[in-house]
Structure formats: C-alpha cells, structure tokens
C-alpha cells in the first residue's frame, strides 16, 4: 500500500471515530462530557489531523488540533472534579 493510501485510511478512520462519537451522544449511549466520548474525539481528531497535514490542508489541521485540545481539557477537568 502506498503512502497516499495509508493517509487516506488514517483519515477515514478518524472520520469514523468522530461520527461514532457523535452518534453515541445523539442516541444517548454516551454523555457529551464522558471520558469515552472525549477519547473518541481525541483519537478521531488526531487521525484527521495527520491526514490533513499530509495533504497540506492546514485550516482543517488547525480545527482538529483545537478539537483535540478541547477534548483533552474536558477529560482533565472531569478527572480533577472526580478526584475531589
């Protein structure tokens, strides 16, 4: 498999992770502030960021990096509140 195909597979996997996360919240299988939901956001956004960087789509890369930051912040906040 060539490099182009690998980056496409990575991107599609990231898109799938984000869609699964959104569907799980929409169908009330996960809470929007839950760690599993945010973890899916981190993984999906990371994979999409890898894909978009490889294609030079920097605005999309920027959005995905911010998306990761929001999800990581949410996980950290939830863990900090749970430890109190």
N, C-alpha and C. Protein backbone atom coordinates (compact mmCIF):
# COMPACT_ATOMS: atom_id res chain seq x y z
N UNK A 1 0.87 -1.19 0.00
CA UNK A 1 0.00 0.00 0.00
C UNK A 1 0.90 1.23 0.00
N UNK A 2 0.62 2.17 -0.88
CA UNK A 2 1.46 3.37 -0.94
C UNK A 2 1.10 4.35 0.18
N UNK A 3 1.95 5.35 0.33
CA UNK A 3 1.78 6.34 1.40
C UNK A 3 0.45 7.07 1.29
N UNK A 4 0.06 7.41 0.08
CA UNK A 4 -1.21 8.11 -0.15
C UNK A 4 -2.38 7.30 0.41
N UNK A 5 -2.38 6.01 0.15
CA UNK A 5 -3.46 5.15 0.63
C UNK A 5 -3.46 5.04 2.15
N UNK A 6 -2.28 5.01 2.75
CA UNK A 6 -2.19 4.96 4.22
C UNK A 6 -2.80 6.22 4.84
N UNK A 7 -2.45 7.36 4.31
CA UNK A 7 -3.00 8.61 4.85
C UNK A 7 -4.51 8.70 4.64
N UNK A 8 -4.99 8.15 3.53
CA UNK A 8 -6.44 8.10 3.32
C UNK A 8 -7.11 7.20 4.35
N UNK A 9 -6.52 6.04 4.60
CA UNK A 9 -7.07 5.11 5.60
C UNK A 9 -7.07 5.74 6.99
N UNK A 10 -6.01 6.46 7.32
CA UNK A 10 -5.93 7.15 8.61
C UNK A 10 -7.04 8.19 8.71
N UNK A 11 -7.23 8.96 7.65
CA UNK A 11 -8.28 9.98 7.64
C UNK A 11 -9.67 9.39 7.77
N UNK A 12 -9.93 8.32 7.01
CA UNK A 12 -11.25 7.69 7.11
C UNK A 12 -11.49 7.11 8.50
N UNK A 13 -10.46 6.56 9.12
CA UNK A 13 -10.60 6.03 10.48
C UNK A 13 -10.93 7.16 11.46
N UNK A 14 -10.28 8.29 11.30
CA UNK A 14 -10.56 9.45 12.15
C UNK A 14 -11.98 9.94 11.97
N UNK A 15 -12.41 10.02 10.72
CA UNK A 15 -13.79 10.45 10.44
C UNK A 15 -14.78 9.48 11.07
N UNK A 16 -14.50 8.19 10.97
CA UNK A 16 -15.40 7.19 11.56
C UNK A 16 -15.47 7.34 13.08
N UNK A 17 -14.32 7.58 13.72
CA UNK A 17 -14.31 7.75 15.18
C UNK A 17 -15.15 8.95 15.60
N UNK A 18 -15.03 10.06 14.88
CA UNK A 18 -15.82 11.25 15.22
C UNK A 18 -17.31 11.01 14.97
N UNK A 19 -17.64 10.32 13.90
CA UNK A 19 -19.05 10.03 13.63
C UNK A 19 -19.65 9.07 14.66
N UNK A 20 -18.87 8.08 15.08
CA UNK A 20 -19.33 7.17 16.13
C UNK A 20 -19.57 7.96 17.42
N UNK A 21 -18.64 8.83 17.77
CA UNK A 21 -18.80 9.64 18.99
C UNK A 21 -20.07 10.47 18.92
N UNK A 22 -20.29 11.13 17.79
CA UNK A 22 -21.48 11.97 17.63
C UNK A 22 -22.76 11.14 17.69
N UNK A 23 -22.76 9.99 17.04
CA UNK A 23 -23.94 9.12 17.06
C UNK A 23 -24.22 8.62 18.47
N UNK A 24 -23.18 8.26 19.20
CA UNK A 24 -23.37 7.74 20.56
C UNK A 24 -23.98 8.80 21.48
N UNK A 25 -23.58 10.03 21.32
CA UNK A 25 -24.19 11.11 22.12
C UNK A 25 -25.61 11.38 21.64
N UNK A 26 -25.81 11.39 20.35
CA UNK A 26 -27.13 11.67 19.79
C UNK A 26 -28.16 10.63 20.19
N UNK A 27 -27.72 9.37 20.30
CA UNK A 27 -28.63 8.29 20.69
C UNK A 27 -28.57 7.98 22.18
N UNK A 28 -27.95 8.90 22.93
CA UNK A 28 -27.88 8.84 24.39
C UNK A 28 -27.23 7.56 24.92
N UNK A 29 -26.23 7.10 24.21
CA UNK A 29 -25.43 5.95 24.66
C UNK A 29 -24.22 6.44 25.45
N UNK A 30 -23.82 7.68 25.21
CA UNK A 30 -22.73 8.32 25.93
C UNK A 30 -23.15 9.73 26.29
N UNK A 31 -22.61 10.24 27.37
CA UNK A 31 -22.81 11.63 27.74
C UNK A 31 -21.75 12.49 27.04
N UNK A 32 -22.13 13.70 26.70
CA UNK A 32 -21.23 14.59 25.99
C UNK A 32 -19.97 14.96 26.75
N UNK A 33 -19.99 14.85 28.07
CA UNK A 33 -18.80 15.17 28.85
C UNK A 33 -18.11 13.92 29.38
N UNK A 34 -18.51 12.75 28.89
CA UNK A 34 -17.91 11.50 29.37
C UNK A 34 -16.51 11.30 28.79
N UNK A 35 -15.70 10.57 29.51
CA UNK A 35 -14.34 10.29 29.05
C UNK A 35 -14.35 9.45 27.77
N UNK A 36 -15.19 8.41 27.64
CA UNK A 36 -15.20 7.67 26.36
C UNK A 36 -15.53 8.55 25.15
N UNK A 37 -16.48 9.45 25.30
CA UNK A 37 -16.84 10.35 24.21
C UNK A 37 -15.66 11.25 23.86
N UNK A 38 -15.06 11.84 24.86
CA UNK A 38 -13.93 12.75 24.62
C UNK A 38 -12.72 11.99 24.06
N UNK A 39 -12.54 10.75 24.51
CA UNK A 39 -11.44 9.95 23.98
C UNK A 39 -11.64 9.68 22.48
N UNK A 40 -12.88 9.37 22.09
CA UNK A 40 -13.16 9.20 20.66
C UNK A 40 -12.87 10.48 19.89
N UNK A 41 -13.17 11.62 20.49
CA UNK A 41 -12.87 12.91 19.85
C UNK A 41 -11.36 13.11 19.69
N UNK A 42 -10.60 12.76 20.71
CA UNK A 42 -9.14 12.90 20.63
C UNK A 42 -8.58 12.01 19.53
N UNK A 43 -8.98 10.75 19.53
CA UNK A 43 -8.46 9.80 18.54
C UNK A 43 -8.88 10.22 17.13
N UNK A 44 -10.16 10.51 16.96
CA UNK A 44 -10.65 10.89 15.63
C UNK A 44 -9.99 12.15 15.11
N UNK A 45 -9.88 13.15 15.96
CA UNK A 45 -9.27 14.41 15.54
C UNK A 45 -7.78 14.25 15.26
N UNK A 46 -7.11 13.43 16.05
CA UNK A 46 -5.69 13.19 15.81
C UNK A 46 -5.48 12.53 14.44
N UNK A 47 -6.27 11.51 14.16
CA UNK A 47 -6.14 10.82 12.88
C UNK A 47 -6.47 11.74 11.71
N UNK A 48 -7.51 12.55 11.86
CA UNK A 48 -7.83 13.50 10.80
C UNK A 48 -6.75 14.57 10.67
N UNK A 49 -6.15 14.98 11.77
CA UNK A 49 -5.07 15.97 11.70
C UNK A 49 -3.88 15.40 10.94
N UNK A 50 -3.54 14.15 11.20
CA UNK A 50 -2.45 13.50 10.46
C UNK A 50 -2.77 13.51 8.97
N UNK A 51 -3.99 13.16 8.63
CA UNK A 51 -4.41 13.13 7.23
C UNK A 51 -4.34 14.51 6.59
N UNK A 52 -4.90 15.50 7.25
CA UNK A 52 -4.96 16.84 6.66
C UNK A 52 -3.58 17.49 6.57
N UNK A 53 -2.72 17.22 7.52
CA UNK A 53 -1.35 17.74 7.44
C UNK A 53 -0.63 17.12 6.24
N UNK A 54 -0.86 15.83 6.04
CA UNK A 54 -0.18 15.15 4.91
C UNK A 54 -0.60 15.73 3.56
N UNK A 55 -1.80 16.29 3.49
CA UNK A 55 -2.29 16.89 2.26
C UNK A 55 -2.13 18.41 2.23
N UNK A 56 -1.58 18.97 3.29
CA UNK A 56 -1.38 20.41 3.34
C UNK A 56 -2.65 21.20 3.55
N UNK A 57 -3.67 20.57 4.10
CA UNK A 57 -4.94 21.25 4.38
C UNK A 57 -4.88 21.82 5.80
N UNK A 58 -4.10 22.89 5.93
CA UNK A 58 -3.79 23.42 7.25
C UNK A 58 -4.97 24.02 8.01
N UNK A 59 -5.95 24.62 7.36
CA UNK A 59 -7.12 25.08 8.14
C UNK A 59 -7.84 23.91 8.83
N UNK A 60 -7.98 22.80 8.12
CA UNK A 60 -8.60 21.62 8.73
C UNK A 60 -7.72 21.04 9.82
N UNK A 61 -6.42 21.07 9.60
CA UNK A 61 -5.48 20.60 10.64
C UNK A 61 -5.63 21.43 11.90
N UNK A 62 -5.72 22.74 11.72
CA UNK A 62 -5.88 23.66 12.85
C UNK A 62 -7.14 23.32 13.64
N UNK A 63 -8.25 23.13 12.95
CA UNK A 63 -9.51 22.80 13.63
C UNK A 63 -9.37 21.50 14.41
N UNK A 64 -8.73 20.51 13.82
CA UNK A 64 -8.58 19.23 14.51
C UNK A 64 -7.66 19.32 15.72
N UNK A 65 -6.61 20.11 15.64
CA UNK A 65 -5.72 20.30 16.80
C UNK A 65 -6.48 21.00 17.93
N UNK A 66 -7.27 22.00 17.59
CA UNK A 66 -8.09 22.68 18.62
C UNK A 66 -9.10 21.71 19.21
N UNK A 67 -9.71 20.88 18.37
CA UNK A 67 -10.68 19.88 18.82
C UNK A 67 -10.02 18.93 19.83
N UNK A 68 -8.79 18.52 19.55
CA UNK A 68 -8.04 17.67 20.49
C UNK A 68 -7.85 18.40 21.81
N UNK A 69 -7.44 19.67 21.73
CA UNK A 69 -7.22 20.45 22.96
C UNK A 69 -8.48 20.56 23.81
N UNK A 70 -9.61 20.78 23.18
CA UNK A 70 -10.87 20.88 23.91
C UNK A 70 -11.19 19.55 24.59
N UNK A 71 -11.01 18.46 23.87
CA UNK A 71 -11.31 17.14 24.43
C UNK A 71 -10.37 16.80 25.58
N UNK A 72 -9.09 17.08 25.42
CA UNK A 72 -8.12 16.81 26.49
C UNK A 72 -8.44 17.66 27.72
N UNK A 73 -8.77 18.92 27.51
CA UNK A 73 -9.15 19.79 28.62
C UNK A 73 -10.39 19.25 29.34
N UNK A 74 -11.36 18.78 28.57
CA UNK A 74 -12.57 18.22 29.17
C UNK A 74 -12.26 16.97 30.01
N UNK A 75 -11.40 16.10 29.48
CA UNK A 75 -11.02 14.89 30.24
C UNK A 75 -10.30 15.28 31.52
N UNK A 76 -9.37 16.21 31.42
CA UNK A 76 -8.60 16.64 32.61
C UNK A 76 -9.52 17.26 33.65
N UNK A 77 -10.45 18.09 33.19
CA UNK A 77 -11.39 18.73 34.12
C UNK A 77 -12.26 17.69 34.82
N UNK A 78 -12.75 16.73 34.05
CA UNK A 78 -13.61 15.69 34.61
C UNK A 78 -12.84 14.85 35.64
N UNK A 79 -11.61 14.50 35.31
CA UNK A 79 -10.80 13.71 36.24
C UNK A 79 -10.50 14.50 37.51
N UNK A 80 -10.21 15.81 37.34
CA UNK A 80 -9.91 16.64 38.51
C UNK A 80 -11.14 16.75 39.41
N UNK A 81 -12.31 16.91 38.83
CA UNK A 81 -13.53 17.02 39.62
C UNK A 81 -13.87 15.69 40.28
N UNK A 82 -13.58 14.57 39.62
CA UNK A 82 -13.87 13.25 40.19
C UNK A 82 -12.95 12.92 41.37
N UNK A 83 -11.77 13.50 41.39
CA UNK A 83 -10.82 13.20 42.46
C UNK A 83 -11.09 14.02 43.73
N UNK A 84 -12.01 14.93 43.66
CA UNK A 84 -12.31 15.74 44.85
C UNK A 84 -13.17 15.01 45.82
